[in-house]
């Protein structure tokens, strides 16, 4: 009786077995092991025995709440204001450390906004984790489309039969082959607040009007500076993938478009872009995965600072697991990150499916 497991299929499974084995050993088993550790209070070095705590680590890490603060008033009922005229509010600690609100015990302020004279404060049990999650998602949302678009633009520029074009390809690809640690050190010197190259160039272009800025020391610019460096460093790699996709498009399609009198934009829209569909899906997935794995740049350039403005999920997982010896906390972050990346990958797969 014929079965699917024919001789050719059996050979294929045998060839694929080493790959499946490596995936199982280095991805599947570690994930389940990390999930188990996230259900305990395991520490790297501790004299106390490990205890099973269930989903407590997830509850402690993901807990969020919104509290409303009314402005303080004097004896006459008038709102008390500070020197700038802004209303003064009770300290958040008066709620998070009050026996009247046990559900907010140990939580800290993340951010706040005002609606009239009422202030609403978002508090969290693990503010650093939420900052890391926000920074990671922001990094992905900005870097992924920007890097893909720049790489496509470079690929279109160098997809020409011109003398010396290979030199430009090598120059654009060169940052990819350099260690990310070396690149991070180099850009840390470029961003230096005193004698950094960026401040020097901006001062020269503005004839001394630009006085300099500590790009990595300012919470408002630190993450953006790392984004710019990351885009520059990896754009050459994705350029090569785009270039490979461009070279698979049949030249006869361009000849037909030229005969029909298509403009450059029409040729790109109806010939080039449809031919790059599968390449675009690959690049989108690759950039997204690389963006979620952001670690080396943070570790070398800012170490998560200033004021946790450059914290990321991978950095937090490593910092807690080994820096603070909190294996269960690091494992919890790893599991959340895995589920987040898996969900986004499935959504990407659904949106880019064949129709």
Protein backbone atom coordinates (compact mmCIF):
# COMPACT_ATOMS: atom_id res chain seq x y z
CA UNK A 1 0.00 0.00 0.00
CA UNK A 2 1.48 3.34 -1.06
CA UNK A 3 2.02 5.92 1.64
CA UNK A 4 3.33 9.44 1.73
CA UNK A 5 6.58 8.17 3.17
CA UNK A 6 8.06 7.15 -0.17
CA UNK A 7 11.73 6.51 -0.70
CA UNK A 8 12.34 10.12 -1.83
CA UNK A 9 10.44 11.53 1.16
CA UNK A 10 12.40 9.32 3.50
CA UNK A 11 15.65 10.65 2.09
CA UNK A 12 14.39 14.22 2.47
CA UNK A 13 13.46 13.66 6.10
CA UNK A 14 16.88 12.16 6.76
CA UNK A 15 18.59 15.18 5.26
CA UNK A 16 16.37 17.53 7.29
CA UNK A 17 16.85 15.61 10.54
CA UNK A 18 20.06 17.43 11.61
CA UNK A 19 18.35 20.79 11.11
CA UNK A 20 15.31 19.71 13.08
CA UNK A 21 17.59 18.36 15.80
CA UNK A 22 19.43 21.68 16.14
CA UNK A 23 16.15 23.60 16.25
CA UNK A 24 14.84 21.28 18.95
CA UNK A 25 18.00 21.47 21.06
CA UNK A 26 18.66 25.21 20.80
CA UNK A 27 15.15 26.70 20.39
CA UNK A 28 12.27 24.42 21.37
CA UNK A 29 13.72 22.81 24.50
CA UNK A 30 15.20 26.09 25.86
CA UNK A 31 11.82 27.77 25.41
CA UNK A 32 10.00 25.14 27.48
CA UNK A 33 12.80 25.24 30.04
CA UNK A 34 12.52 29.04 30.23
CA UNK A 35 8.74 28.73 30.60
CA UNK A 36 9.22 26.34 33.51
CA UNK A 37 11.72 28.69 35.18
CA UNK A 38 9.26 31.58 34.77
CA UNK A 39 6.83 29.65 36.97
CA UNK A 40 9.34 29.48 39.83
CA UNK A 41 11.38 31.88 41.97
CA UNK A 42 14.67 30.50 40.66
CA UNK A 43 17.76 32.63 41.23
CA UNK A 44 21.21 32.14 39.76
CA UNK A 45 22.88 31.71 43.14
CA UNK A 46 20.70 31.27 46.22
CA UNK A 47 20.89 29.12 49.36
CA UNK A 48 17.09 28.83 49.39
CA UNK A 49 15.37 26.00 47.53
CA UNK A 50 13.48 26.84 44.34
CA UNK A 51 9.72 27.17 44.82
CA UNK A 52 6.87 26.94 42.33
CA UNK A 53 5.01 30.28 42.22
CA UNK A 54 2.75 29.72 39.21
CA UNK A 55 1.90 32.84 37.22
CA UNK A 56 2.97 35.23 39.97
CA UNK A 57 6.01 36.44 37.98
CA UNK A 58 3.75 37.34 35.05
CA UNK A 59 1.29 39.11 37.34
CA UNK A 60 4.06 41.11 39.02
CA UNK A 61 5.59 42.09 35.69
CA UNK A 62 2.45 42.90 33.69
CA UNK A 63 0.32 44.60 36.36
CA UNK A 64 -0.92 48.05 35.30
CA UNK A 65 -3.43 50.46 36.81
CA UNK A 66 -4.66 54.01 36.30
CA UNK A 67 -5.26 56.22 39.34
CA UNK A 68 -6.91 59.62 39.37
CA UNK A 69 -5.41 62.48 41.36
CA UNK A 70 -7.41 65.57 42.29
CA UNK A 71 -5.45 68.79 42.95
CA UNK A 72 -4.79 69.71 46.55
CA UNK A 73 -6.89 72.50 47.97
CA UNK A 74 -6.51 74.93 50.82
CA UNK A 75 -8.94 75.58 53.65
CA UNK A 76 -11.07 77.78 51.39
CA UNK A 77 -11.33 75.11 48.70
CA UNK A 78 -9.01 76.89 46.25
CA UNK A 79 -6.57 74.83 44.23
CA UNK A 80 -3.00 75.00 45.53
CA UNK A 81 -0.54 75.88 42.78
CA UNK A 82 3.24 75.82 42.52
CA UNK A 83 5.55 78.63 41.39
CA UNK A 84 4.73 78.02 37.72
CA UNK A 85 0.99 78.12 38.32
CA UNK A 86 0.47 74.38 37.84
CA UNK A 87 -1.83 72.58 40.29
CA UNK A 88 -0.16 70.56 43.02
CA UNK A 89 -1.24 66.94 43.46
CA UNK A 90 -0.83 64.37 46.23
CA UNK A 91 2.20 62.13 45.87
CA UNK A 92 1.56 58.82 44.16
CA UNK A 93 3.21 57.11 47.12
CA UNK A 94 0.29 58.19 49.25
CA UNK A 95 -1.76 55.67 47.26
CA UNK A 96 0.73 52.91 46.46
CA UNK A 97 1.89 52.72 50.08
CA UNK A 98 -1.49 53.11 51.71
CA UNK A 99 -3.22 50.27 53.51
CA UNK A 100 -6.48 51.54 51.98
CA UNK A 101 -5.31 50.45 48.51
CA UNK A 102 -3.66 47.04 48.92
CA UNK A 103 -4.11 46.32 45.18
CA UNK A 104 -1.60 49.10 44.39
CA UNK A 105 1.03 47.97 46.89
CA UNK A 106 4.57 48.30 45.51
CA UNK A 107 3.52 49.90 42.21
CA UNK A 108 5.31 52.96 40.83
CA UNK A 109 4.41 55.79 38.51
CA UNK A 110 5.12 55.23 34.82
CA UNK A 111 3.65 58.35 33.22
CA UNK A 112 0.75 60.73 33.64
CA UNK A 113 -1.49 63.09 31.70
CA UNK A 114 -3.91 65.82 32.68
CA UNK A 115 -7.55 66.28 31.82
CA UNK A 116 -8.46 69.74 33.03
CA UNK A 117 -7.18 69.96 36.58
CA UNK A 118 -7.47 66.20 37.12
CA UNK A 119 -4.32 64.14 36.68
CA UNK A 120 -4.44 60.51 35.65
CA UNK A 121 -1.39 58.45 36.51
CA UNK A 122 -0.45 55.09 35.02
CA UNK A 123 1.26 52.97 37.66
CA UNK A 124 2.93 49.61 37.16
CA UNK A 125 4.49 46.90 39.28
CA UNK A 126 7.45 46.76 36.89
CA UNK A 127 7.95 50.16 35.28
CA UNK A 128 11.29 49.21 33.73
CA UNK A 129 9.73 46.26 31.88
CA UNK A 130 7.00 48.46 30.40
CA UNK A 131 9.59 51.01 29.32
CA UNK A 132 11.60 48.22 27.71
CA UNK A 133 8.51 46.89 25.93
CA UNK A 134 7.56 50.36 24.68
CA UNK A 135 11.10 51.11 23.49
CA UNK A 136 11.32 47.76 21.70
CA UNK A 137 8.02 48.23 19.87
CA UNK A 138 8.94 51.82 18.98
CA UNK A 139 12.30 50.63 17.65
CA UNK A 140 10.61 48.01 15.48
CA UNK A 141 7.95 50.40 14.15
CA UNK A 142 10.53 53.01 13.11
CA UNK A 143 13.56 50.97 12.11
CA UNK A 144 11.83 48.21 10.11
CA UNK A 145 10.07 50.37 7.47
CA UNK A 146 12.84 52.98 7.33
CA UNK A 147 15.59 50.42 6.90
CA UNK A 148 13.63 48.47 4.29
CA UNK A 149 12.86 51.63 2.28
CA UNK A 150 16.46 52.87 2.35
CA UNK A 151 17.77 49.45 1.40
CA UNK A 152 15.35 49.29 -1.53
CA UNK A 153 16.43 52.74 -2.67
CA UNK A 154 20.11 51.75 -2.57
CA UNK A 155 19.36 48.50 -4.41
CA UNK A 156 17.58 50.41 -7.19
CA UNK A 157 20.52 52.81 -7.46
CA UNK A 158 23.21 50.15 -7.76
CA UNK A 159 21.19 47.78 -9.93
CA UNK A 160 22.89 49.33 -12.94
CA UNK A 161 25.44 48.10 -15.41
CA UNK A 162 27.94 50.85 -14.84
CA UNK A 163 31.71 50.80 -14.53
CA UNK A 164 32.81 50.60 -10.90
CA UNK A 165 29.33 49.80 -9.54
CA UNK A 166 30.75 46.88 -7.54
CA UNK A 167 32.83 49.37 -5.54
CA UNK A 168 29.67 51.10 -4.35
CA UNK A 169 28.08 47.76 -3.51
CA UNK A 170 31.09 46.88 -1.36
CA UNK A 171 31.03 50.28 0.37
CA UNK A 172 27.34 50.01 1.23
CA UNK A 173 27.77 46.44 2.49
CA UNK A 174 30.94 47.13 4.50
CA UNK A 175 29.24 48.08 7.83
CA UNK A 176 27.51 44.69 7.86
CA UNK A 177 30.76 42.71 8.03
CA UNK A 178 32.16 44.85 10.85
CA UNK A 179 31.40 43.64 14.37
CA UNK A 180 28.37 45.35 15.86
CA UNK A 181 30.42 45.99 19.02
CA UNK A 182 33.05 47.87 17.00
CA UNK A 183 30.35 49.83 15.19
CA UNK A 184 28.69 50.71 18.50
CA UNK A 185 31.98 51.94 19.96
CA UNK A 186 32.64 54.00 16.84
CA UNK A 187 29.22 55.66 16.98
CA UNK A 188 29.56 56.28 20.69
CA UNK A 189 32.55 58.47 19.86
CA UNK A 190 30.58 60.11 17.04
CA UNK A 191 27.75 60.96 19.46
CA UNK A 192 30.10 62.17 22.20
CA UNK A 193 28.72 65.31 23.86
CA UNK A 194 32.08 67.06 24.06
CA UNK A 195 34.25 66.46 21.00
CA UNK A 196 32.05 64.06 19.04
CA UNK A 197 32.23 64.10 15.25
CA UNK A 198 28.50 64.83 14.90
CA UNK A 199 28.67 67.93 17.10
CA UNK A 200 31.80 69.09 15.27
CA UNK A 201 30.19 68.73 11.84
CA UNK A 202 26.94 70.42 12.93
CA UNK A 203 28.93 73.25 14.51
CA UNK A 204 30.90 73.71 11.29
CA UNK A 205 27.78 73.70 9.10
CA UNK A 206 26.03 76.25 11.32
CA UNK A 207 29.15 78.46 11.66
CA UNK A 208 29.32 77.83 15.40
CA UNK A 209 25.64 78.44 16.12
CA UNK A 210 25.19 74.79 17.20
CA UNK A 211 26.78 74.47 20.63
CA UNK A 212 26.76 70.70 20.82
CA UNK A 213 24.51 68.11 22.40
CA UNK A 214 25.02 64.97 24.48
CA UNK A 215 23.09 62.67 22.16
CA UNK A 216 23.41 59.52 24.25
CA UNK A 217 23.10 61.33 27.57
CA UNK A 218 19.74 62.94 26.82
CA UNK A 219 16.67 60.70 27.35
CA UNK A 220 14.91 62.51 24.47
CA UNK A 221 17.61 61.67 21.89
CA UNK A 222 19.33 58.51 23.15
CA UNK A 223 16.96 55.97 21.61
CA UNK A 224 16.68 57.92 18.36
CA UNK A 225 20.47 58.03 18.10
CA UNK A 226 20.66 54.25 18.44
CA UNK A 227 17.95 53.87 15.82
CA UNK A 228 19.94 55.97 13.34
CA UNK A 229 23.08 53.93 13.96
CA UNK A 230 21.22 50.62 13.65
CA UNK A 231 19.64 51.64 10.36
CA UNK A 232 23.03 52.65 8.95
CA UNK A 233 24.72 49.46 10.12
CA UNK A 234 22.31 46.91 8.64
CA UNK A 235 20.92 48.68 5.59
CA UNK A 236 23.61 47.13 3.37
CA UNK A 237 22.56 43.59 4.26
CA UNK A 238 18.96 44.18 3.23
CA UNK A 239 20.15 46.06 0.16
CA UNK A 240 21.79 42.85 -1.05
CA UNK A 241 18.55 40.91 -0.56
CA UNK A 242 16.59 43.54 -2.49
CA UNK A 243 19.25 43.45 -5.20
CA UNK A 244 18.92 39.67 -5.51
CA UNK A 245 15.17 40.10 -5.90
CA UNK A 246 15.59 42.79 -8.55
CA UNK A 247 17.82 40.56 -10.62
CA UNK A 248 15.17 37.82 -10.75
CA UNK A 249 12.73 40.10 -12.61
CA UNK A 250 12.73 39.35 -16.33
CA UNK A 251 14.17 42.19 -18.49
CA UNK A 252 11.42 41.52 -21.05
CA UNK A 253 8.88 42.98 -18.62
CA UNK A 254 10.80 46.27 -18.55
CA UNK A 255 11.07 46.21 -22.34
CA UNK A 256 7.32 45.74 -22.63
CA UNK A 257 6.71 48.60 -20.18
CA UNK A 258 9.04 50.87 -22.18
CA UNK A 259 7.23 50.02 -25.42
CA UNK A 260 3.90 50.87 -23.77
CA UNK A 261 5.32 54.25 -22.76
CA UNK A 262 5.19 53.67 -19.00
CA UNK A 263 6.79 56.27 -16.76
CA UNK A 264 9.44 55.32 -14.22
CA UNK A 265 6.87 55.38 -11.44
CA UNK A 266 4.44 53.20 -13.42
CA UNK A 267 7.25 50.76 -14.24
CA UNK A 268 8.17 50.52 -10.57
CA UNK A 269 4.55 50.16 -9.43
CA UNK A 270 3.38 47.59 -11.98
CA UNK A 271 6.60 45.71 -12.81
CA UNK A 272 9.28 46.09 -10.15
CA UNK A 273 7.20 46.05 -6.97
CA UNK A 274 5.03 43.02 -7.87
CA UNK A 275 8.21 41.16 -8.79
CA UNK A 276 9.66 41.96 -5.36
CA UNK A 277 6.66 40.73 -3.36
CA UNK A 278 8.29 37.60 -1.94
CA UNK A 279 11.52 39.52 -1.30
CA UNK A 280 9.59 42.19 0.59
CA UNK A 281 7.98 39.57 2.83
CA UNK A 282 11.39 38.07 3.62
CA UNK A 283 12.96 41.44 4.39
CA UNK A 284 10.04 42.52 6.54
CA UNK A 285 10.31 39.37 8.66
CA UNK A 286 14.12 39.51 8.91
CA UNK A 287 14.21 43.18 9.94
CA UNK A 288 11.45 42.65 12.49
CA UNK A 289 13.29 39.74 14.09
CA UNK A 290 16.56 41.67 14.17
CA UNK A 291 14.87 44.71 15.70
CA UNK A 292 13.33 42.68 18.52
CA UNK A 293 16.78 41.21 19.26
CA UNK A 294 18.29 44.65 19.94
CA UNK A 295 20.96 44.20 22.61
CA UNK A 296 24.59 44.88 21.64
CA UNK A 297 24.06 48.54 20.77
CA UNK A 298 22.31 49.18 24.08
CA UNK A 299 24.91 47.29 26.09
CA UNK A 300 27.87 49.14 24.54
CA UNK A 301 26.46 52.63 24.03
CA UNK A 302 24.06 53.40 26.91
CA UNK A 303 23.70 50.35 29.16
CA UNK A 304 19.97 51.00 29.22
CA UNK A 305 20.19 54.65 30.27
CA UNK A 306 19.77 57.49 30.71
CA UNK A 307 16.76 57.11 33.00
CA UNK A 308 15.88 53.76 31.37
CA UNK A 309 15.15 55.56 28.09
CA UNK A 310 16.95 52.90 26.03
CA UNK A 311 15.88 49.77 27.85
CA UNK A 312 14.85 46.89 25.57
CA UNK A 313 13.33 43.51 26.30
CA UNK A 314 16.40 41.47 25.38
CA UNK A 315 18.65 43.78 27.40
CA UNK A 316 16.30 43.49 30.37
CA UNK A 317 16.18 39.70 30.10
CA UNK A 318 19.98 39.48 30.20
CA UNK A 319 20.32 42.17 32.85
CA UNK A 320 17.87 40.46 35.20
CA UNK A 321 18.93 36.91 34.50
CA UNK A 322 22.65 37.44 34.95
CA UNK A 323 23.22 40.98 36.20
CA UNK A 324 20.68 40.69 39.02
CA UNK A 325 20.79 36.86 39.16
CA UNK A 326 16.99 36.76 38.80
CA UNK A 327 16.68 33.76 36.49
CA UNK A 328 12.90 33.55 36.86
CA UNK A 329 12.46 37.23 35.99
CA UNK A 330 14.70 36.97 32.94
CA UNK A 331 12.88 33.83 31.83
CA UNK A 332 9.51 35.55 32.20
CA UNK A 333 10.63 38.39 29.93
CA UNK A 334 12.00 35.86 27.42
CA UNK A 335 8.69 34.00 27.27
CA UNK A 336 6.72 37.23 26.81
CA UNK A 337 9.13 38.31 24.07
CA UNK A 338 8.83 34.94 22.32
CA UNK A 339 5.02 35.09 22.35
CA UNK A 340 5.08 38.70 21.14
CA UNK A 341 7.42 37.91 18.24
CA UNK A 342 5.41 34.80 17.36
CA UNK A 343 2.17 36.79 17.29
CA UNK A 344 3.66 39.51 15.09
CA UNK A 345 5.16 36.91 12.76
CA UNK A 346 1.77 35.20 12.36
CA UNK A 347 0.10 38.55 11.68
CA UNK A 348 2.75 39.42 9.10
CA UNK A 349 2.29 36.02 7.50
CA UNK A 350 -1.47 36.54 7.33
CA UNK A 351 -1.25 40.04 5.87
CA UNK A 352 1.33 39.03 3.25
CA UNK A 353 -0.30 35.75 2.24
CA UNK A 354 -1.03 34.91 -1.37
CA UNK A 355 -4.43 36.16 -2.47
